[in-house]
Amino acid sequence: MLIGQQQPLTIAATVLNPATIKAVLGSRSYNLTGWRILDRWAFNDPQKLRALEAQDKDKFSLLSRLLEQQTTEHEVLTSEFSISQRQNGMTEHEILAASEIKTEL
């Protein structure tokens, strides 16, 4: 578990190639949610993330998987259920778990 605030993609930048980080930052498709997901994946399973990055030259597998995860988590975390659960003190991670959203790569 990470404690404190971190700049987005700090962890991912230590695991992934600079070109991948640049592609994520340069695309309007990804936002803070996606950046946090990429950092979480880099922290929890850096070897698996590197392997996904290496699967293809244009990084399509990694970037499409990230976009899919970002969309899923965003939909869940902005739902009425999520908003009510946050008011009751649940964290984002707890809400995703309660919604049976797989957060690992």
PDB file of N, CA and C in Angstrom:
ATOM      1  N   MET A   1       0.841  -1.176   0.000  1.00  0.00           N
ATOM      2  CA  MET A   1       0.000   0.000   0.000  1.00  0.00           C
ATOM      3  C   MET A   1       0.884   1.236   0.000  1.00  0.00           C
ATOM      4  N   LEU A   2       0.478   2.212  -0.773  1.00  0.00           N
ATOM      5  CA  LEU A   2       1.208   3.466  -0.841  1.00  0.00           C
ATOM      6  C   LEU A   2       0.587   4.465   0.122  1.00  0.00           C
ATOM      7  N   ILE A   3       1.428   5.245   0.748  1.00  0.00           N
ATOM      8  CA  ILE A   3       0.958   6.250   1.694  1.00  0.00           C
ATOM      9  C   ILE A   3       1.349   7.620   1.164  1.00  0.00           C
ATOM     10  N   GLY A   4       0.418   8.568   1.254  1.00  0.00           N
ATOM     11  CA  GLY A   4       0.710   9.925   0.820  1.00  0.00           C
ATOM     12  C   GLY A   4       0.372  10.140  -0.638  1.00  0.00           C
ATOM     13  N   GLN A   5       0.482  11.380  -1.053  1.00  0.00           N
ATOM     14  CA  GLN A   5       0.184  11.757  -2.426  1.00  0.00           C
ATOM     15  C   GLN A   5       1.415  11.536  -3.301  1.00  0.00           C
ATOM     16  N   GLN A   6       1.190  11.040  -4.478  1.00  0.00           N
ATOM     17  CA  GLN A   6       2.262  10.834  -5.445  1.00  0.00           C
ATOM     18  C   GLN A   6       1.862  11.507  -6.738  1.00  0.00           C
ATOM     19  N   GLN A   7       2.824  11.964  -7.465  1.00  0.00           N
ATOM     20  CA  GLN A   7       2.551  12.494  -8.796  1.00  0.00           C
ATOM     21  C   GLN A   7       2.115  11.341  -9.688  1.00  0.00           C
ATOM     22  N   PRO A   8       1.129  11.587 -10.552  1.00  0.00           N
ATOM     23  CA  PRO A   8       0.677  10.516 -11.450  1.00  0.00           C
ATOM     24  C   PRO A   8       1.821   9.973 -12.307  1.00  0.00           C
ATOM     25  N   LEU A   9       1.804   8.679 -12.497  1.00  0.00           N
ATOM     26  CA  LEU A   9       2.742   7.925 -13.335  1.00  0.00           C
ATOM     27  C   LEU A   9       4.170   7.872 -12.781  1.00  0.00           C
ATOM     28  N   THR A  10       4.365   8.262 -11.545  1.00  0.00           N
ATOM     29  CA  THR A  10       5.691   8.189 -10.935  1.00  0.00           C
ATOM     30  C   THR A  10       6.180   6.745 -10.869  1.00  0.00           C
ATOM     31  N   ILE A  11       5.318   5.862 -10.433  1.00  0.00           N
ATOM     32  CA  ILE A  11       5.698   4.453 -10.300  1.00  0.00           C
ATOM     33  C   ILE A  11       5.780   3.803 -11.680  1.00  0.00           C
ATOM     34  N   ALA A  12       4.797   4.070 -12.520  1.00  0.00           N
ATOM     35  CA  ALA A  12       4.779   3.484 -13.860  1.00  0.00           C
ATOM     36  C   ALA A  12       6.021   3.888 -14.651  1.00  0.00           C
ATOM     37  N   ALA A  13       6.498   5.089 -14.441  1.00  0.00           N
ATOM     38  CA  ALA A  13       7.678   5.571 -15.174  1.00  0.00           C
ATOM     39  C   ALA A  13       8.939   4.796 -14.804  1.00  0.00           C
ATOM     40  N   THR A  14       8.948   4.152 -13.652  1.00  0.00           N
ATOM     41  CA  THR A  14      10.106   3.349 -13.259  1.00  0.00           C
ATOM     42  C   THR A  14      10.032   1.935 -13.826  1.00  0.00           C
ATOM     43  N   VAL A  15       8.878   1.550 -14.346  1.00  0.00           N
ATOM     44  CA  VAL A  15       8.661   0.193 -14.845  1.00  0.00           C
ATOM     45  C   VAL A  15       8.575   0.159 -16.373  1.00  0.00           C
ATOM     46  N   LEU A  16       7.895   1.131 -16.944  1.00  0.00           N
ATOM     47  CA  LEU A  16       7.630   1.138 -18.384  1.00  0.00           C
ATOM     48  C   LEU A  16       8.635   1.986 -19.152  1.00  0.00           C
ATOM     49  N   ASN A  17       8.696   1.752 -20.444  1.00  0.00           N
ATOM     50  CA  ASN A  17       9.566   2.536 -21.317  1.00  0.00           C
ATOM     51  C   ASN A  17       9.062   3.973 -21.401  1.00  0.00           C
ATOM     52  N   PRO A  18       9.963   4.931 -21.544  1.00  0.00           N
ATOM     53  CA  PRO A  18       9.539   6.332 -21.677  1.00  0.00           C
ATOM     54  C   PRO A  18       8.552   6.550 -22.821  1.00  0.00           C
ATOM     55  N   ALA A  19       8.684   5.807 -23.904  1.00  0.00           N
ATOM     56  CA  ALA A  19       7.761   5.958 -25.033  1.00  0.00           C
ATOM     57  C   ALA A  19       6.327   5.583 -24.645  1.00  0.00           C
ATOM     58  N   THR A  20       6.182   4.610 -23.772  1.00  0.00           N
ATOM     59  CA  THR A  20       4.851   4.207 -23.317  1.00  0.00           C
ATOM     60  C   THR A  20       4.242   5.291 -22.447  1.00  0.00           C
ATOM     61  N   ILE A  21       5.030   5.820 -21.540  1.00  0.00           N
ATOM     62  CA  ILE A  21       4.548   6.903 -20.677  1.00  0.00           C
ATOM     63  C   ILE A  21       4.152   8.102 -21.532  1.00  0.00           C
ATOM     64  N   LYS A  22       4.971   8.417 -22.508  1.00  0.00           N
ATOM     65  CA  LYS A  22       4.683   9.541 -23.402  1.00  0.00           C
ATOM     66  C   LYS A  22       3.378   9.301 -24.169  1.00  0.00           C
ATOM     67  N   ALA A  23       3.152   8.080 -24.615  1.00  0.00           N
ATOM     68  CA  ALA A  23       1.924   7.753 -25.339  1.00  0.00           C
ATOM     69  C   ALA A  23       0.689   7.930 -24.459  1.00  0.00           C
ATOM     70  N   VAL A  24       0.797   7.543 -23.207  1.00  0.00           N
ATOM     71  CA  VAL A  24      -0.329   7.693 -22.279  1.00  0.00           C
ATOM     72  C   VAL A  24      -0.580   9.166 -21.981  1.00  0.00           C
ATOM     73  N   LEU A  25       0.482   9.908 -21.715  1.00  0.00           N
ATOM     74  CA  LEU A  25       0.336  11.334 -21.412  1.00  0.00           C
ATOM     75  C   LEU A  25      -0.114  12.134 -22.629  1.00  0.00           C
ATOM     76  N   GLY A  26       0.288  11.704 -23.808  1.00  0.00           N
ATOM     77  CA  GLY A  26      -0.028  12.440 -25.024  1.00  0.00           C
ATOM     78  C   GLY A  26      -1.399  12.149 -25.605  1.00  0.00           C
ATOM     79  N   SER A  27      -2.094  11.211 -25.041  1.00  0.00           N
ATOM     80  CA  SER A  27      -3.405  10.832 -25.549  1.00  0.00           C
ATOM     81  C   SER A  27      -4.511  11.460 -24.703  1.00  0.00           C
ATOM     82  N   ARG A  28      -5.519  11.949 -25.362  1.00  0.00           N
ATOM     83  CA  ARG A  28      -6.679  12.498 -24.643  1.00  0.00           C
ATOM     84  C   ARG A  28      -7.584  11.393 -24.104  1.00  0.00           C
ATOM     85  N   SER A  29      -7.293  10.165 -24.470  1.00  0.00           N
ATOM     86  CA  SER A  29      -8.118   9.037 -24.021  1.00  0.00           C
ATOM     87  C   SER A  29      -7.907   8.711 -22.546  1.00  0.00           C
ATOM     88  N   TYR A  30      -6.741   9.045 -22.027  1.00  0.00           N
ATOM     89  CA  TYR A  30      -6.409   8.674 -20.653  1.00  0.00           C
ATOM     90  C   TYR A  30      -6.451   9.902 -19.760  1.00  0.00           C
ATOM     91  N   ASN A  31      -6.908   9.687 -18.524  1.00  0.00           N
ATOM     92  CA  ASN A  31      -7.001  10.766 -17.563  1.00  0.00           C
ATOM     93  C   ASN A  31      -6.408  10.316 -16.231  1.00  0.00           C
ATOM     94  N   LEU A  32      -6.633  11.079 -15.206  1.00  0.00           N
ATOM     95  CA  LEU A  32      -6.058  10.777 -13.896  1.00  0.00           C
ATOM     96  C   LEU A  32      -6.420   9.372 -13.422  1.00  0.00           C
ATOM     97  N   THR A  33      -7.623   8.939 -13.697  1.00  0.00           N
ATOM     98  CA  THR A  33      -8.021   7.578 -13.311  1.00  0.00           C
ATOM     99  C   THR A  33      -7.128   6.552 -13.986  1.00  0.00           C
ATOM    100  N   GLY A  34      -6.898   6.704 -15.269  1.00  0.00           N
ATOM    101  CA  GLY A  34      -6.029   5.788 -15.995  1.00  0.00           C
ATOM    102  C   GLY A  34      -4.602   5.833 -15.504  1.00  0.00           C
ATOM    103  N   TRP A  35      -4.127   7.020 -15.192  1.00  0.00           N
ATOM    104  CA  TRP A  35      -2.754   7.153 -14.682  1.00  0.00           C
ATOM    105  C   TRP A  35      -2.608   6.442 -13.344  1.00  0.00           C
ATOM    106  N   ARG A  36      -3.626   6.556 -12.494  1.00  0.00           N
ATOM    107  CA  ARG A  36      -3.584   5.867 -11.192  1.00  0.00           C
ATOM    108  C   ARG A  36      -3.605   4.349 -11.379  1.00  0.00           C
ATOM    109  N   ILE A  37      -4.404   3.895 -12.323  1.00  0.00           N
ATOM    110  CA  ILE A  37      -4.467   2.457 -12.615  1.00  0.00           C
ATOM    111  C   ILE A  37      -3.097   1.961 -13.063  1.00  0.00           C
ATOM    112  N   LEU A  38      -2.464   2.688 -13.961  1.00  0.00           N
ATOM    113  CA  LEU A  38      -1.148   2.286 -14.460  1.00  0.00           C
ATOM    114  C   LEU A  38      -0.127   2.253 -13.324  1.00  0.00           C
ATOM    115  N   ASP A  39      -0.171   3.232 -12.429  1.00  0.00           N
ATOM    116  CA  ASP A  39       0.713   3.215 -11.264  1.00  0.00           C
ATOM    117  C   ASP A  39       0.414   2.020 -10.360  1.00  0.00           C
ATOM    118  N   ARG A  40      -0.863   1.722 -10.164  1.00  0.00           N
ATOM    119  CA  ARG A  40      -1.241   0.575  -9.326  1.00  0.00           C
ATOM    120  C   ARG A  40      -0.709  -0.715  -9.929  1.00  0.00           C
ATOM    121  N   TRP A  41      -0.883  -0.878 -11.229  1.00  0.00           N
ATOM    122  CA  TRP A  41      -0.368  -2.080 -11.897  1.00  0.00           C
ATOM    123  C   TRP A  41       1.151  -2.162 -11.780  1.00  0.00           C
ATOM    124  N   ALA A  42       1.815  -1.032 -11.948  1.00  0.00           N
ATOM    125  CA  ALA A  42       3.287  -1.011 -11.869  1.00  0.00           C
ATOM    126  C   ALA A  42       3.761  -1.355 -10.462  1.00  0.00           C
ATOM    127  N   PHE A  43       3.040  -0.912  -9.471  1.00  0.00           N
ATOM    128  CA  PHE A  43       3.418  -1.188  -8.088  1.00  0.00           C
ATOM    129  C   PHE A  43       3.143  -2.639  -7.716  1.00  0.00           C
ATOM    130  N   ASN A  44       1.957  -3.135  -8.088  1.00  0.00           N
ATOM    131  CA  ASN A  44       1.533  -4.472  -7.661  1.00  0.00           C
ATOM    132  C   ASN A  44       2.130  -5.615  -8.479  1.00  0.00           C
ATOM    133  N   ASP A  45       2.388  -5.376  -9.753  1.00  0.00           N
ATOM    134  CA  ASP A  45       2.883  -6.469 -10.595  1.00  0.00           C
ATOM    135  C   ASP A  45       3.738  -5.931 -11.750  1.00  0.00           C
ATOM    136  N   PRO A  46       4.913  -5.383 -11.429  1.00  0.00           N
ATOM    137  CA  PRO A  46       5.733  -4.762 -12.470  1.00  0.00           C
ATOM    138  C   PRO A  46       6.161  -5.730 -13.575  1.00  0.00           C
ATOM    139  N   GLN A  47       6.433  -6.989 -13.238  1.00  0.00           N
ATOM    140  CA  GLN A  47       6.860  -7.941 -14.258  1.00  0.00           C
ATOM    141  C   GLN A  47       5.749  -8.207 -15.270  1.00  0.00           C
ATOM    142  N   LYS A  48       4.550  -8.368 -14.782  1.00  0.00           N
ATOM    143  CA  LYS A  48       3.420  -8.620 -15.670  1.00  0.00           C
ATOM    144  C   LYS A  48       3.143  -7.397 -16.555  1.00  0.00           C
ATOM    145  N   LEU A  49       3.296  -6.211 -15.992  1.00  0.00           N
ATOM    146  CA  LEU A  49       3.094  -4.992 -16.768  1.00  0.00           C
ATOM    147  C   LEU A  49       4.145  -4.860 -17.867  1.00  0.00           C
ATOM    148  N   ARG A  50       5.395  -5.148 -17.530  1.00  0.00           N
ATOM    149  CA  ARG A  50       6.458  -5.122 -18.544  1.00  0.00           C
ATOM    150  C   ARG A  50       6.190  -6.139 -19.653  1.00  0.00           C
ATOM    151  N   ALA A  51       5.711  -7.310 -19.264  1.00  0.00           N
ATOM    152  CA  ALA A  51       5.412  -8.352 -20.252  1.00  0.00           C
ATOM    153  C   ALA A  51       4.286  -7.919 -21.188  1.00  0.00           C
ATOM    154  N   LEU A  52       3.268  -7.275 -20.635  1.00  0.00           N
ATOM    155  CA  LEU A  52       2.174  -6.787 -21.471  1.00  0.00           C
ATOM    156  C   LEU A  52       2.674  -5.698 -22.417  1.00  0.00           C
ATOM    157  N   GLU A  53       3.532  -4.840 -21.922  1.00  0.00           N
ATOM    158  CA  GLU A  53       4.110  -3.779 -22.755  1.00  0.00           C
ATOM    159  C   GLU A  53       4.935  -4.380 -23.897  1.00  0.00           C
ATOM    160  N   ALA A  54       5.632  -5.450 -23.629  1.00  0.00           N
ATOM    161  CA  ALA A  54       6.521  -6.063 -24.618  1.00  0.00           C
ATOM    162  C   ALA A  54       5.781  -6.912 -25.654  1.00  0.00           C
ATOM    163  N   GLN A  55       4.508  -7.168 -25.443  1.00  0.00           N
ATOM    164  CA  GLN A  55       3.754  -8.048 -26.346  1.00  0.00           C
ATOM    165  C   GLN A  55       3.720  -7.551 -27.779  1.00  0.00           C
ATOM    166  N   ASP A  56       3.613  -6.256 -27.959  1.00  0.00           N
ATOM    167  CA  ASP A  56       3.589  -5.749 -29.326  1.00  0.00           C
ATOM    168  C   ASP A  56       4.275  -4.389 -29.406  1.00  0.00           C
ATOM    169  N   LYS A  57       4.782  -4.101 -30.585  1.00  0.00           N
ATOM    170  CA  LYS A  57       5.604  -2.915 -30.799  1.00  0.00           C
ATOM    171  C   LYS A  57       4.843  -1.615 -30.555  1.00  0.00           C
ATOM    172  N   ASP A  58       3.582  -1.557 -30.946  1.00  0.00           N
ATOM    173  CA  ASP A  58       2.842  -0.303 -30.806  1.00  0.00           C
ATOM    174  C   ASP A  58       2.101  -0.190 -29.469  1.00  0.00           C
ATOM    175  N   LYS A  59       2.316  -1.121 -28.579  1.00  0.00           N
ATOM    176  CA  LYS A  59       1.754  -1.106 -27.229  1.00  0.00           C
ATOM    177  C   LYS A  59       0.225  -1.201 -27.209  1.00  0.00           C
ATOM    178  N   PHE A  60      -0.363  -1.705 -28.294  1.00  0.00           N
ATOM    179  CA  PHE A  60      -1.814  -1.760 -28.393  1.00  0.00           C
ATOM    180  C   PHE A  60      -2.438  -2.573 -27.263  1.00  0.00           C
ATOM    181  N   SER A  61      -1.862  -3.695 -26.919  1.00  0.00           N
ATOM    182  CA  SER A  61      -2.423  -4.553 -25.865  1.00  0.00           C
ATOM    183  C   SER A  61      -2.490  -3.815 -24.538  1.00  0.00           C
ATOM    184  N   LEU A  62      -1.410  -3.176 -24.176  1.00  0.00           N
ATOM    185  CA  LEU A  62      -1.359  -2.448 -22.907  1.00  0.00           C
ATOM    186  C   LEU A  62      -2.311  -1.262 -22.924  1.00  0.00           C
ATOM    187  N   LEU A  63      -2.256  -0.458 -23.966  1.00  0.00           N
ATOM    188  CA  LEU A  63      -3.065   0.763 -24.001  1.00  0.00           C
ATOM    189  C   LEU A  63      -4.556   0.466 -24.089  1.00  0.00           C
ATOM    190  N   SER A  64      -4.929  -0.574 -24.818  1.00  0.00           N
ATOM    191  CA  SER A  64      -6.350  -0.924 -24.894  1.00  0.00           C
ATOM    192  C   SER A  64      -6.830  -1.503 -23.567  1.00  0.00           C
ATOM    193  N   ARG A  65      -5.991  -2.296 -22.924  1.00  0.00           N
ATOM    194  CA  ARG A  65      -6.349  -2.848 -21.604  1.00  0.00           C
ATOM    195  C   ARG A  65      -6.504  -1.719 -20.584  1.00  0.00           C
ATOM    196  N   LEU A  66      -5.622  -0.739 -20.639  1.00  0.00           N
ATOM    197  CA  LEU A  66      -5.710   0.403 -19.726  1.00  0.00           C
ATOM    198  C   LEU A  66      -6.991   1.205 -19.972  1.00  0.00           C
ATOM    199  N   LEU A  67      -7.324   1.455 -21.218  1.00  0.00           N
ATOM    200  CA  LEU A  67      -8.533   2.211 -21.539  1.00  0.00           C
ATOM    201  C   LEU A  67      -9.787   1.471 -21.068  1.00  0.00           C
ATOM    202  N   GLU A  68      -9.791   0.166 -21.263  1.00  0.00           N
ATOM    203  CA  GLU A  68     -10.921  -0.651 -20.805  1.00  0.00           C
ATOM    204  C   GLU A  68     -11.078  -0.573 -19.286  1.00  0.00           C
ATOM    205  N   GLN A  69      -9.967  -0.698 -18.565  1.00  0.00           N
ATOM    206  CA  GLN A  69     -10.006  -0.645 -17.101  1.00  0.00           C
ATOM    207  C   GLN A  69     -10.418   0.748 -16.622  1.00  0.00           C
ATOM    208  N   GLN A  70      -9.892   1.771 -17.261  1.00  0.00           N
ATOM    209  CA  GLN A  70     -10.227   3.143 -16.892  1.00  0.00           C
ATOM    210  C   GLN A  70     -11.733   3.390 -17.053  1.00  0.00           C
ATOM    211  N   THR A  71     -12.290   2.934 -18.153  1.00  0.00           N
ATOM    212  CA  THR A  71     -13.719   3.111 -18.417  1.00  0.00           C
ATOM    213  C   THR A  71     -14.556   2.378 -17.377  1.00  0.00           C
ATOM    214  N   THR A  72     -14.189   1.143 -17.099  1.00  0.00           N
ATOM    215  CA  THR A  72     -14.922   0.340 -16.112  1.00  0.00           C
ATOM    216  C   THR A  72     -14.892   0.991 -14.737  1.00  0.00           C
ATOM    217  N   GLU A  73     -13.709   1.352 -14.274  1.00  0.00           N
ATOM    218  CA  GLU A  73     -13.593   1.945 -12.937  1.00  0.00           C
ATOM    219  C   GLU A  73     -14.306   3.289 -12.869  1.00  0.00           C
ATOM    220  N   HIS A  74     -14.206   4.084 -13.922  1.00  0.00           N
ATOM    221  CA  HIS A  74     -14.878   5.381 -13.935  1.00  0.00           C
ATOM    222  C   HIS A  74     -16.394   5.213 -13.824  1.00  0.00           C
ATOM    223  N   GLU A  75     -16.946   4.269 -14.580  1.00  0.00           N
ATOM    224  CA  GLU A  75     -18.384   4.034 -14.532  1.00  0.00           C
ATOM    225  C   GLU A  75     -18.839   3.628 -13.137  1.00  0.00           C
ATOM    226  N   VAL A  76     -18.084   2.740 -12.517  1.00  0.00           N
ATOM    227  CA  VAL A  76     -18.457   2.281 -11.172  1.00  0.00           C
ATOM    228  C   VAL A  76     -18.306   3.403 -10.157  1.00  0.00           C
ATOM    229  N   LEU A  77     -17.190   4.119 -10.208  1.00  0.00           N
ATOM    230  CA  LEU A  77     -16.902   5.132  -9.189  1.00  0.00           C
ATOM    231  C   LEU A  77     -17.740   6.402  -9.319  1.00  0.00           C
ATOM    232  N   THR A  78     -18.423   6.570 -10.439  1.00  0.00           N
ATOM    233  CA  THR A  78     -19.292   7.743 -10.594  1.00  0.00           C
ATOM    234  C   THR A  78     -20.772   7.371 -10.510  1.00  0.00           C
ATOM    235  N   SER A  79     -21.057   6.127 -10.173  1.00  0.00           N
ATOM    236  CA  SER A  79     -22.449   5.677 -10.054  1.00  0.00           C
ATOM    237  C   SER A  79     -23.084   6.205  -8.764  1.00  0.00           C
ATOM    238  N   GLU A  80     -24.393   6.161  -8.709  1.00  0.00           N
ATOM    239  CA  GLU A  80     -25.105   6.587  -7.496  1.00  0.00           C
ATOM    240  C   GLU A  80     -24.704   5.727  -6.303  1.00  0.00           C
ATOM    241  N   PHE A  81     -24.542   4.432  -6.540  1.00  0.00           N
ATOM    242  CA  PHE A  81     -24.102   3.533  -5.474  1.00  0.00           C
ATOM    243  C   PHE A  81     -22.769   3.997  -4.894  1.00  0.00           C
ATOM    244  N   SER A  82     -21.833   4.296  -5.767  1.00  0.00           N
ATOM    245  CA  SER A  82     -20.505   4.715  -5.334  1.00  0.00           C
ATOM    246  C   SER A  82     -20.558   6.011  -4.540  1.00  0.00           C
ATOM    247  N   ILE A  83     -21.325   6.945  -5.023  1.00  0.00           N
ATOM    248  CA  ILE A  83     -21.431   8.241  -4.338  1.00  0.00           C
ATOM    249  C   ILE A  83     -22.007   8.052  -2.947  1.00  0.00           C
ATOM    250  N   SER A  84     -23.039   7.226  -2.826  1.00  0.00           N
ATOM    251  CA  SER A  84     -23.629   6.989  -1.504  1.00  0.00           C
ATOM    252  C   SER A  84     -22.659   6.243  -0.588  1.00  0.00           C
ATOM    253  N   GLN A  85     -21.908   5.306  -1.156  1.00  0.00           N
ATOM    254  CA  GLN A  85     -20.951   4.558  -0.338  1.00  0.00           C
ATOM    255  C   GLN A  85     -19.797   5.439   0.130  1.00  0.00           C
ATOM    256  N   ARG A  86     -19.371   6.373  -0.692  1.00  0.00           N
ATOM    257  CA  ARG A  86     -18.314   7.308  -0.275  1.00  0.00           C
ATOM    258  C   ARG A  86     -18.791   8.172   0.887  1.00  0.00           C
ATOM    259  N   GLN A  87     -20.055   8.565   0.831  1.00  0.00           N
ATOM    260  CA  GLN A  87     -20.615   9.356   1.930  1.00  0.00           C
ATOM    261  C   GLN A  87     -20.647   8.553   3.215  1.00  0.00           C
ATOM    262  N   ASN A  88     -20.676   7.232   3.099  1.00  0.00           N
ATOM    263  CA  ASN A  88     -20.649   6.347   4.261  1.00  0.00           C
ATOM    264  C   ASN A  88     -19.236   5.938   4.657  1.00  0.00           C
ATOM    265  N   GLY A  89     -18.220   6.504   3.979  1.00  0.00           N
ATOM    266  CA  GLY A  89     -16.839   6.273   4.374  1.00  0.00           C
ATOM    267  C   GLY A  89     -16.085   5.198   3.616  1.00  0.00           C
ATOM    268  N   MET A  90     -16.675   4.619   2.591  1.00  0.00           N
ATOM    269  CA  MET A  90     -15.967   3.597   1.831  1.00  0.00           C
ATOM    270  C   MET A  90     -14.915   4.237   0.933  1.00  0.00           C
ATOM    271  N   THR A  91     -13.820   3.539   0.754  1.00  0.00           N
ATOM    272  CA  THR A  91     -12.769   4.003  -0.140  1.00  0.00           C
ATOM    273  C   THR A  91     -13.059   3.546  -1.562  1.00  0.00           C
ATOM    274  N   GLU A  92     -12.349   4.112  -2.536  1.00  0.00           N
ATOM    275  CA  GLU A  92     -12.512   3.691  -3.921  1.00  0.00           C
ATOM    276  C   GLU A  92     -12.222   2.202  -4.063  1.00  0.00           C
ATOM    277  N   HIS A  93     -11.158   1.746  -3.429  1.00  0.00           N
ATOM    278  CA  HIS A  93     -10.791   0.329  -3.520  1.00  0.00           C
ATOM    279  C   HIS A  93     -11.903  -0.562  -2.973  1.00  0.00           C
ATOM    280  N   GLU A  94     -12.497  -0.174  -1.855  1.00  0.00           N
ATOM    281  CA  GLU A  94     -13.580  -0.961  -1.266  1.00  0.00           C
ATOM    282  C   GLU A  94     -14.809  -0.979  -2.177  1.00  0.00           C
ATOM    283  N   ILE A  95     -15.089   0.156  -2.810  1.00  0.00           N
ATOM    284  CA  ILE A  95     -16.236   0.237  -3.718  1.00  0.00           C
ATOM    285  C   ILE A  95     -16.009  -0.666  -4.929  1.00  0.00           C
ATOM    286  N   LEU A  96     -14.804  -0.627  -5.486  1.00  0.00           N
ATOM    287  CA  LEU A  96     -14.496  -1.491  -6.627  1.00  0.00           C
ATOM    288  C   LEU A  96     -14.605  -2.965  -6.230  1.00  0.00           C
ATOM    289  N   ALA A  97     -14.115  -3.294  -5.057  1.00  0.00           N
ATOM    290  CA  ALA A  97     -14.203  -4.679  -4.585  1.00  0.00           C
ATOM    291  C   ALA A  97     -15.664  -5.089  -4.371  1.00  0.00           C
ATOM    292  N   ALA A  98     -16.452  -4.206  -3.784  1.00  0.00           N
ATOM    293  CA  ALA A  98     -17.876  -4.509  -3.555  1.00  0.00           C
ATOM    294  C   ALA A  98     -18.623  -4.667  -4.878  1.00  0.00           C
ATOM    295  N   SER A  99     -18.149  -4.002  -5.892  1.00  0.00           N
ATOM    296  CA  SER A  99     -18.768  -4.091  -7.223  1.00  0.00           C
ATOM    297  C   SER A  99     -18.158  -5.219  -8.056  1.00  0.00           C
ATOM    298  N   GLU A 100     -17.275  -5.975  -7.435  1.00  0.00           N
ATOM    299  CA  GLU A 100     -16.603  -7.126  -8.057  1.00  0.00           C
ATOM    300  C   GLU A 100     -15.820  -6.733  -9.305  1.00  0.00           C
ATOM    301  N   ILE A 101     -15.141  -5.583  -9.225  1.00  0.00           N
ATOM    302  CA  ILE A 101     -14.287  -5.108 -10.315  1.00  0.00           C
ATOM    303  C   ILE A 101     -12.878  -5.589 -10.040  1.00  0.00           C
ATOM    304  N   LYS A 102     -12.325  -6.301 -10.989  1.00  0.00           N
ATOM    305  CA  LYS A 102     -10.939  -6.772 -10.879  1.00  0.00           C
ATOM    306  C   LYS A 102     -10.011  -5.562 -11.075  1.00  0.00           C
ATOM    307  N   THR A 103      -9.170  -5.298 -10.091  1.00  0.00           N
ATOM    308  CA  THR A 103      -8.289  -4.121 -10.177  1.00  0.00           C
ATOM    309  C   THR A 103      -6.854  -4.476 -10.531  1.00  0.00           C
ATOM    310  N   GLU A 104      -6.558  -5.743 -10.497  1.00  0.00           N
ATOM    311  CA  GLU A 104      -5.193  -6.175 -10.827  1.00  0.00           C
ATOM    312  C   GLU A 104      -5.055  -6.440 -12.310  1.00  0.00           C
ATOM    313  N   LEU A 105      -3.842  -6.345 -12.782  1.00  0.00           N
ATOM    314  CA  LEU A 105      -3.560  -6.609 -14.177  1.00  0.00           C
ATOM    315  C   LEU A 105      -3.705  -8.085 -14.430  1.00  0.00           C
TER     316      LEU A 105
END
